[in-house]
Amino acid sequence: MTELNWRTLTQQSLALPYGRARTTGLEKALDLAIRGGATEEDVFHLRMSLTEAYKYGGEPARAMTTFTRCLTAFDADPARYGPEAHHRLLWQFKWIIAALTDFPEIPLDRTYALLDDMERRYRESGYSLHPVHGLRCQVARHIGDVATADAEFERWRTAPQDESSDCAGCVPTAMAFHLAWRGAHAEAIAIAEPVLSGELTCVEQPQGILSALIEPYLRTGRYEAAVDAHRRTYRVHRRYETRYLFSLGTHLFFCAVTGNHARGLELLERHLGALDAPPARWTPWSSRPLPRYCWTGSPHAGTATSPCAVPRTRTAPPRSSASPNCATRCGTTPWRSPPGSTRATAPPRRARGSATALPPNRSWRNSH
């Protein structure tokens, strides 16, 4: 195939939405470019485009491979690729480190080493450490290091933003997730909600910020806002299943604590097949307890006085035809319905002494 053909294939692929078709096209273009004797610069930029396609196409492991090859090539001859490629690499560095927590096979010291390398590169380039502190906060939160996570969050929040920082929607989204994790739900809403009134052009928005607000809305009694956020985010997550597989847990949690257990099982069964080949090992593990939420209506996290405590409901939906399969694959035992039960009708009740108010039982099945 001629040079014109691989270049044409590249342009055609870049015009496609993120997903397997775009990624496959770029993979073929890269292969043709290499076999056709393309320059190192052309191959480098194709690999960078593939890193982006893998990232937004739900294949983070492959993104790590192409990113590493580009970083190695750039370090060998920075002048050859120029400042634009350098900035793009530093931007992609954030994607790679953010994905590391999804791969438990990657040693923690390797993650810290990459964070240190990223910080060194940002300092040498004169960029703000704003995104570095955000990623250090994320890693600390992932391993349960509350003190470090809080300290890095404060550094993150006070560091100046520049062209290396994420967009006006993604920064408050990430901060809202941390605040919700710490139980500061009102503060999470205060930092994230105002962004929704602005113009968001990022491919991750507004579904990212709405997803971050679902639990804070529930915890602060803003149930209609939680319903709207759930509806709007799920419409996007359903279309791009692989990319947003991790976010399924948020929707199952929403269905569980609002009494929509049957709907939760329906969503679980719809997306269960995607766990056969998840984009990362952490994805099925992080979703593992969630089927039980929908069978029992009781997340098993926290206590009656914990900000994350949720009381148990008294009834559960009947087992559907797919329920035994769910139980087998997710390692759970279904809650068996009382005789004559057709669906969960009892509203979730507030546990005595609980700091968490739950909405009345409602059905939003027809809203998706």
Protein backbone atom coordinates (compact mmCIF):
# COMPACT_ATOMS: atom_id res chain seq x y z
CA MET A 1 0.00 0.00 0.00
CA THR A 2 1.37 3.44 -0.86
CA GLU A 3 2.31 6.24 1.54
CA LEU A 4 -0.84 8.06 0.48
CA ASN A 5 -2.92 5.08 1.52
CA TRP A 6 -1.55 4.78 5.05
CA ARG A 7 -1.86 8.51 5.52
CA THR A 8 -5.41 8.40 4.18
CA LEU A 9 -6.26 5.51 6.48
CA THR A 10 -4.90 7.50 9.41
CA GLN A 11 -7.07 10.51 8.59
CA GLN A 12 -10.14 8.32 8.06
CA SER A 13 -9.57 6.59 11.39
CA LEU A 14 -9.08 9.85 13.28
CA ALA A 15 -12.45 11.02 11.95
CA LEU A 16 -14.21 8.09 13.66
CA PRO A 17 -15.52 8.20 17.25
CA TYR A 18 -13.38 6.57 19.91
CA GLY A 19 -13.86 2.82 19.92
CA ARG A 20 -12.66 -0.36 18.27
CA ALA A 21 -13.17 0.88 14.69
CA ARG A 22 -10.99 3.94 15.22
CA THR A 23 -8.37 1.95 17.10
CA THR A 24 -8.24 -0.84 14.51
CA GLY A 25 -7.84 1.67 11.71
CA LEU A 26 -4.91 3.36 13.45
CA GLU A 27 -3.31 -0.02 14.20
CA LYS A 28 -3.49 -0.94 10.52
CA ALA A 29 -2.16 2.46 9.52
CA LEU A 30 0.79 2.07 11.89
CA ASP A 31 1.60 -1.37 10.54
CA LEU A 32 1.43 -0.11 6.95
CA ALA A 33 3.56 2.92 7.80
CA ILE A 34 6.28 0.78 9.38
CA ARG A 35 6.32 -1.71 6.51
CA GLY A 36 6.17 1.11 3.99
CA GLY A 37 9.27 2.84 5.29
CA ALA A 38 7.64 5.84 6.98
CA THR A 39 9.90 8.22 8.87
CA GLU A 40 10.51 7.83 12.59
CA GLU A 41 8.60 11.06 13.14
CA ASP A 42 5.55 9.68 11.33
CA VAL A 43 5.66 6.45 13.32
CA PHE A 44 6.09 8.40 16.55
CA HIS A 45 3.01 10.55 15.93
CA LEU A 46 0.95 7.55 14.86
CA ARG A 47 1.82 5.81 18.12
CA MET A 48 0.80 8.90 20.06
CA SER A 49 -2.55 8.88 18.27
CA LEU A 50 -2.90 5.20 19.15
CA THR A 51 -2.22 5.96 22.83
CA GLU A 52 -5.11 8.41 22.74
CA ALA A 53 -7.36 5.90 20.93
CA TYR A 54 -6.54 3.20 23.47
CA LYS A 55 -7.16 5.57 26.38
CA TYR A 56 -10.56 6.77 25.21
CA GLY A 57 -11.45 3.42 23.68
CA GLY A 58 -11.23 1.59 27.01
CA GLU A 59 -7.91 -0.23 26.47
CA PRO A 60 -5.54 1.33 29.03
CA ALA A 61 -3.07 -1.57 29.02
CA ARG A 62 -2.32 -1.07 25.35
CA ALA A 63 -1.99 2.66 25.89
CA MET A 64 0.87 2.00 28.30
CA THR A 65 2.80 0.13 25.59
CA THR A 66 2.54 2.78 22.89
CA PHE A 67 3.18 5.57 25.39
CA THR A 68 6.35 3.89 26.68
CA ARG A 69 7.70 3.48 23.15
CA CYS A 70 7.03 7.14 22.38
CA LEU A 71 8.64 8.29 25.62
CA THR A 72 11.74 6.20 24.91
CA ALA A 73 11.99 7.56 21.39
CA PHE A 74 11.60 11.15 22.57
CA ASP A 75 14.19 10.81 25.33
CA ALA A 76 16.69 9.44 22.79
CA ASP A 77 16.39 12.55 20.59
CA PRO A 78 14.18 15.35 21.98
CA ALA A 79 15.16 17.84 19.29
CA ARG A 80 13.91 15.50 16.60
CA TYR A 81 10.30 15.64 17.78
CA GLY A 82 10.04 19.17 19.10
CA PRO A 83 8.15 21.03 21.86
CA GLU A 84 4.66 20.16 20.63
CA ALA A 85 5.35 16.44 20.92
CA HIS A 86 6.95 17.06 24.31
CA HIS A 87 3.83 18.80 25.64
CA ARG A 88 1.62 16.05 24.26
CA LEU A 89 3.74 13.38 25.94
CA LEU A 90 3.57 15.15 29.29
CA TRP A 91 -0.21 15.35 28.88
CA GLN A 92 -0.45 11.63 28.14
CA PHE A 93 1.75 10.93 31.17
CA LYS A 94 -1.30 11.83 33.29
CA TRP A 95 -3.44 9.22 31.54
CA ILE A 96 -0.91 6.46 32.13
CA ILE A 97 -0.40 7.11 35.84
CA ALA A 98 -4.15 7.52 36.40
CA ALA A 99 -4.65 4.06 34.90
CA LEU A 100 -2.00 2.33 37.02
CA THR A 101 -4.34 1.85 39.98
CA ASP A 102 -6.52 -0.35 37.74
CA PHE A 103 -3.70 -2.89 37.41
CA PRO A 104 -2.84 -4.58 40.73
CA GLU A 105 -0.06 -6.54 38.99
CA ILE A 106 1.94 -3.29 38.71
CA PRO A 107 4.04 -2.91 41.89
CA LEU A 108 3.35 0.15 44.02
CA ASP A 109 7.00 1.19 43.96
CA ARG A 110 6.82 1.25 40.16
CA THR A 111 3.85 3.61 40.38
CA TYR A 112 5.76 5.89 42.76
CA ALA A 113 8.79 5.82 40.45
CA LEU A 114 6.65 6.93 37.52
CA LEU A 115 5.11 9.70 39.62
CA ASP A 116 8.59 10.89 40.56
CA ASP A 117 9.64 10.79 36.90
CA MET A 118 6.56 12.77 35.92
CA GLU A 119 7.25 15.36 38.60
CA ARG A 120 10.86 15.69 37.45
CA ARG A 121 9.78 16.25 33.84
CA TYR A 122 7.16 18.82 34.82
CA ARG A 123 9.65 20.75 36.95
CA GLU A 124 12.27 20.73 34.21
CA SER A 125 9.68 21.96 31.70
CA GLY A 126 8.51 24.78 33.95
CA TYR A 127 5.00 23.38 34.33
CA SER A 128 2.90 23.58 37.47
CA LEU A 129 2.81 20.47 39.67
CA HIS A 130 -0.97 20.81 39.86
CA PRO A 131 -1.67 17.54 37.98
CA VAL A 132 1.14 15.73 39.82
CA HIS A 133 -0.44 16.46 43.20
CA GLY A 134 -3.82 15.33 41.85
CA LEU A 135 -2.37 11.98 40.79
CA ARG A 136 -0.50 11.51 44.06
CA CYS A 137 -3.80 12.13 45.83
CA GLN A 138 -5.48 9.50 43.66
CA VAL A 139 -2.83 6.87 44.34
CA ALA A 140 -2.87 7.55 48.09
CA ARG A 141 -6.66 7.31 48.12
CA HIS A 142 -6.49 4.02 46.23
CA ILE A 143 -4.30 2.38 48.87
CA GLY A 144 -6.23 3.91 51.77
CA ASP A 145 -3.52 6.34 52.89
CA VAL A 146 -5.91 9.01 54.17
CA ALA A 147 -3.29 11.37 55.59
CA THR A 148 -1.26 11.47 52.38
CA ALA A 149 -4.38 11.75 50.25
CA ASP A 150 -5.61 14.74 52.25
CA ALA A 151 -2.19 16.42 52.20
CA GLU A 152 -1.84 15.97 48.45
CA PHE A 153 -5.39 17.20 47.95
CA GLU A 154 -4.56 20.47 49.68
CA ARG A 155 -1.41 20.87 47.57
CA TRP A 156 -3.47 20.07 44.49
CA ARG A 157 -6.20 22.54 45.35
CA THR A 158 -3.76 25.38 46.03
CA ALA A 159 -1.27 24.75 43.21
CA PRO A 160 -1.55 27.12 40.24
CA GLN A 161 -3.16 25.74 37.11
CA ASP A 162 -1.56 26.11 33.69
CA GLU A 163 -1.69 24.46 30.27
CA SER A 164 -0.66 21.14 31.81
CA SER A 165 -3.78 21.01 34.03
CA ASP A 166 -6.92 19.16 33.07
CA CYS A 167 -9.95 21.00 31.73
CA ALA A 168 -12.44 23.14 33.66
CA GLY A 169 -14.73 20.14 33.99
CA CYS A 170 -12.28 17.34 34.82
CA VAL A 171 -10.41 19.10 37.64
CA PRO A 172 -13.52 19.72 39.82
CA THR A 173 -14.77 16.23 38.87
CA ALA A 174 -11.65 14.60 40.31
CA MET A 175 -11.76 16.84 43.38
CA ALA A 176 -15.43 16.00 43.95
CA PHE A 177 -14.63 12.27 43.92
CA HIS A 178 -12.04 12.83 46.64
CA LEU A 179 -14.36 14.95 48.76
CA ALA A 180 -17.13 12.37 48.44
CA TRP A 181 -14.65 9.67 49.47
CA ARG A 182 -13.94 11.70 52.59
CA GLY A 183 -17.65 12.12 53.30
CA ALA A 184 -17.66 15.86 52.52
CA HIS A 185 -20.66 15.58 50.21
CA ALA A 186 -21.87 19.17 50.47
CA GLU A 187 -18.39 20.42 49.65
CA ALA A 188 -18.19 18.03 46.70
CA ILE A 189 -21.38 19.53 45.29
CA ALA A 190 -20.16 23.08 45.92
CA ILE A 191 -16.94 22.51 44.02
CA ALA A 192 -18.40 20.59 41.10
CA GLU A 193 -21.97 21.73 40.47
CA PRO A 194 -21.21 25.30 39.28
CA VAL A 195 -19.21 23.88 36.37
CA LEU A 196 -22.38 22.38 34.87
CA SER A 197 -23.70 25.82 34.02
CA GLY A 198 -20.68 26.52 31.80
CA GLU A 199 -19.71 25.22 28.39
CA LEU A 200 -17.94 21.85 28.60
CA THR A 201 -16.21 20.62 25.45
CA CYS A 202 -14.15 17.76 26.96
CA VAL A 203 -15.01 14.26 25.73
CA GLU A 204 -15.27 13.15 29.39
CA GLN A 205 -17.92 15.75 30.24
CA PRO A 206 -20.57 16.29 31.47
CA GLN A 207 -20.91 12.58 32.30
CA GLY A 208 -17.78 12.72 34.44
CA ILE A 209 -18.90 15.47 36.76
CA LEU A 210 -22.47 14.14 36.95
CA SER A 211 -21.18 10.71 37.90
CA ALA A 212 -19.12 12.28 40.68
CA LEU A 213 -22.23 14.03 42.00
CA ILE A 214 -24.62 11.05 42.16
CA GLU A 215 -23.64 9.91 45.66
CA PRO A 216 -23.25 13.44 47.11
CA TYR A 217 -26.72 14.29 45.81
CA LEU A 218 -28.14 11.18 47.48
CA ARG A 219 -26.30 11.77 50.74
CA THR A 220 -27.53 15.36 50.99
CA GLY A 221 -31.16 14.58 50.15
CA ARG A 222 -31.17 16.03 46.64
CA TYR A 223 -32.86 12.99 45.16
CA GLU A 224 -34.26 14.50 41.97
CA ALA A 225 -30.81 15.84 41.10
CA ALA A 226 -29.38 12.35 41.71
CA VAL A 227 -32.02 10.84 39.41
CA ASP A 228 -31.19 13.31 36.66
CA ALA A 229 -27.44 12.71 37.03
CA HIS A 230 -27.97 8.94 36.92
CA ARG A 231 -30.11 9.14 33.80
CA ARG A 232 -27.78 11.42 31.90
CA THR A 233 -24.58 9.58 32.75
CA TYR A 234 -25.97 6.12 32.11
CA ARG A 235 -27.05 7.09 28.59
CA VAL A 236 -23.39 7.79 27.80
CA HIS A 237 -21.96 4.88 29.78
CA ARG A 238 -24.28 2.42 28.06
CA ARG A 239 -23.13 3.52 24.60
CA TYR A 240 -19.44 3.18 25.50
CA GLU A 241 -19.58 0.11 27.69
CA THR A 242 -15.90 -0.89 27.68
CA ARG A 243 -14.64 2.59 28.32
CA TYR A 244 -17.00 3.19 31.24
CA LEU A 245 -17.25 -0.32 32.63
CA PHE A 246 -15.82 0.80 35.94
CA SER A 247 -18.64 3.33 36.28
CA LEU A 248 -21.25 0.57 36.31
CA GLY A 249 -20.77 0.36 40.06
CA THR A 250 -22.07 3.90 40.51
CA HIS A 251 -25.32 3.05 38.75
CA LEU A 252 -25.77 -0.20 40.66
CA PHE A 253 -25.18 1.68 43.90
CA PHE A 254 -27.78 4.27 42.88
CA CYS A 255 -30.35 1.58 42.07
CA ALA A 256 -29.65 -0.26 45.32
CA VAL A 257 -29.98 2.62 47.77
CA THR A 258 -33.03 4.07 46.03
CA GLY A 259 -34.96 0.79 46.17
CA ASN A 260 -34.70 0.05 42.43
CA HIS A 261 -33.18 -3.39 42.95
CA ALA A 262 -34.83 -5.03 39.97
CA ARG A 263 -33.50 -2.27 37.75
CA GLY A 264 -30.05 -2.78 39.23
CA LEU A 265 -30.16 -6.46 38.33
CA GLU A 266 -31.31 -5.55 34.85
CA LEU A 267 -28.30 -3.26 34.37
CA LEU A 268 -25.97 -5.87 35.82
CA GLU A 269 -27.24 -8.56 33.48
CA ARG A 270 -27.02 -6.21 30.50
CA HIS A 271 -23.33 -5.50 31.07
CA LEU A 272 -22.16 -8.71 32.73
CA GLY A 273 -20.67 -10.11 29.53
CA ALA A 274 -18.23 -7.21 29.35
CA LEU A 275 -16.51 -8.58 32.46
CA ASP A 276 -15.35 -11.60 30.44
CA ALA A 277 -12.66 -9.38 28.93
CA PRO A 278 -12.41 -6.30 31.17
CA PRO A 279 -10.06 -3.46 30.25
CA ALA A 280 -8.25 -3.89 33.58
CA ARG A 281 -8.17 -6.48 36.34
CA TRP A 282 -9.38 -3.99 38.91
CA THR A 283 -12.65 -3.44 37.06
CA PRO A 284 -14.35 -6.79 37.84
CA TRP A 285 -12.85 -6.83 41.31
CA SER A 286 -14.17 -3.37 42.14
CA SER A 287 -17.63 -4.36 40.89
CA ARG A 288 -17.63 -7.72 42.67
CA PRO A 289 -19.74 -6.83 45.75
CA LEU A 290 -22.26 -4.77 43.80
CA PRO A 291 -24.58 -7.58 42.64
CA ARG A 292 -25.33 -8.26 46.30
CA TYR A 293 -26.52 -4.66 46.67
CA CYS A 294 -29.24 -5.36 44.16
CA TRP A 295 -30.26 -8.68 45.72
CA THR A 296 -30.24 -7.45 49.32
CA GLY A 297 -30.41 -3.68 48.98
CA SER A 298 -27.63 -3.46 51.54
CA PRO A 299 -24.12 -2.29 50.73
CA HIS A 300 -21.80 -3.76 53.32
CA ALA A 301 -19.61 -0.71 53.93
CA GLY A 302 -19.41 1.36 57.07
CA THR A 303 -21.55 1.32 60.16
CA ALA A 304 -24.73 3.02 61.24
CA THR A 305 -22.75 6.13 62.17
CA SER A 306 -20.45 6.14 59.14
CA PRO A 307 -21.04 8.70 56.36
CA CYS A 308 -21.21 5.74 53.96
CA ALA A 309 -23.63 3.64 55.98
CA VAL A 310 -26.81 2.55 54.19
CA PRO A 311 -29.60 0.63 55.96
CA ARG A 312 -30.82 -2.73 54.75
CA THR A 313 -34.19 -2.98 53.04
CA ARG A 314 -36.65 -5.69 53.98
CA THR A 315 -37.58 -7.10 50.59
CA ALA A 316 -35.82 -7.96 47.38
CA PRO A 317 -36.78 -8.57 43.75
CA PRO A 318 -37.34 -12.07 42.41
CA ARG A 319 -34.47 -13.85 40.78
CA SER A 320 -34.52 -13.42 37.05
CA SER A 321 -33.42 -16.06 34.58
CA ALA A 322 -29.92 -14.62 34.59
CA SER A 323 -29.54 -14.38 38.35
CA PRO A 324 -27.87 -17.79 38.88
CA ASN A 325 -25.31 -16.82 36.25
CA CYS A 326 -24.69 -13.52 38.02
CA ALA A 327 -24.20 -15.32 41.30
CA THR A 328 -21.75 -17.80 39.82
CA ARG A 329 -19.64 -15.21 38.05
CA CYS A 330 -19.67 -12.59 40.79
CA GLY A 331 -19.22 -14.90 43.76
CA THR A 332 -22.48 -14.00 45.47
CA THR A 333 -25.54 -15.80 46.75
CA PRO A 334 -28.85 -14.31 45.62
CA TRP A 335 -31.32 -13.11 48.23
CA ARG A 336 -34.38 -15.28 47.85
CA SER A 337 -37.67 -13.43 47.58
CA PRO A 338 -40.53 -14.05 49.99
CA PRO A 339 -43.46 -16.08 48.56
CA GLY A 340 -45.63 -13.95 46.31
CA SER A 341 -43.11 -11.14 46.01
CA THR A 342 -42.93 -9.48 42.61
CA ARG A 343 -40.50 -6.64 43.23
CA ALA A 344 -38.99 -4.57 46.01
CA THR A 345 -41.71 -2.33 47.32
CA ALA A 346 -40.55 -1.39 50.79
CA PRO A 347 -38.74 1.93 50.85
CA PRO A 348 -35.20 1.94 52.20
CA ARG A 349 -35.39 2.88 55.87
CA ARG A 350 -33.06 5.08 57.74
CA ALA A 351 -31.12 3.18 60.36
CA ARG A 352 -31.42 4.60 63.86
CA GLY A 353 -28.51 6.90 64.45
CA SER A 354 -27.51 6.90 60.81
CA ALA A 355 -26.12 10.10 59.39
CA THR A 356 -27.27 9.11 55.92
CA ALA A 357 -30.75 9.95 54.71
CA LEU A 358 -32.09 7.84 51.87
CA PRO A 359 -34.77 8.68 49.32
CA PRO A 360 -38.21 7.13 49.30
CA ASN A 361 -38.59 4.05 47.15
CA ARG A 362 -39.33 5.04 43.56
CA SER A 363 -39.16 3.39 40.19
CA TRP A 364 -37.20 5.02 37.38
CA ARG A 365 -37.15 2.01 35.07
CA ASN A 366 -38.60 3.84 32.09
CA SER A 367 -36.12 6.69 32.22
CA HIS A 368 -33.12 4.90 30.71
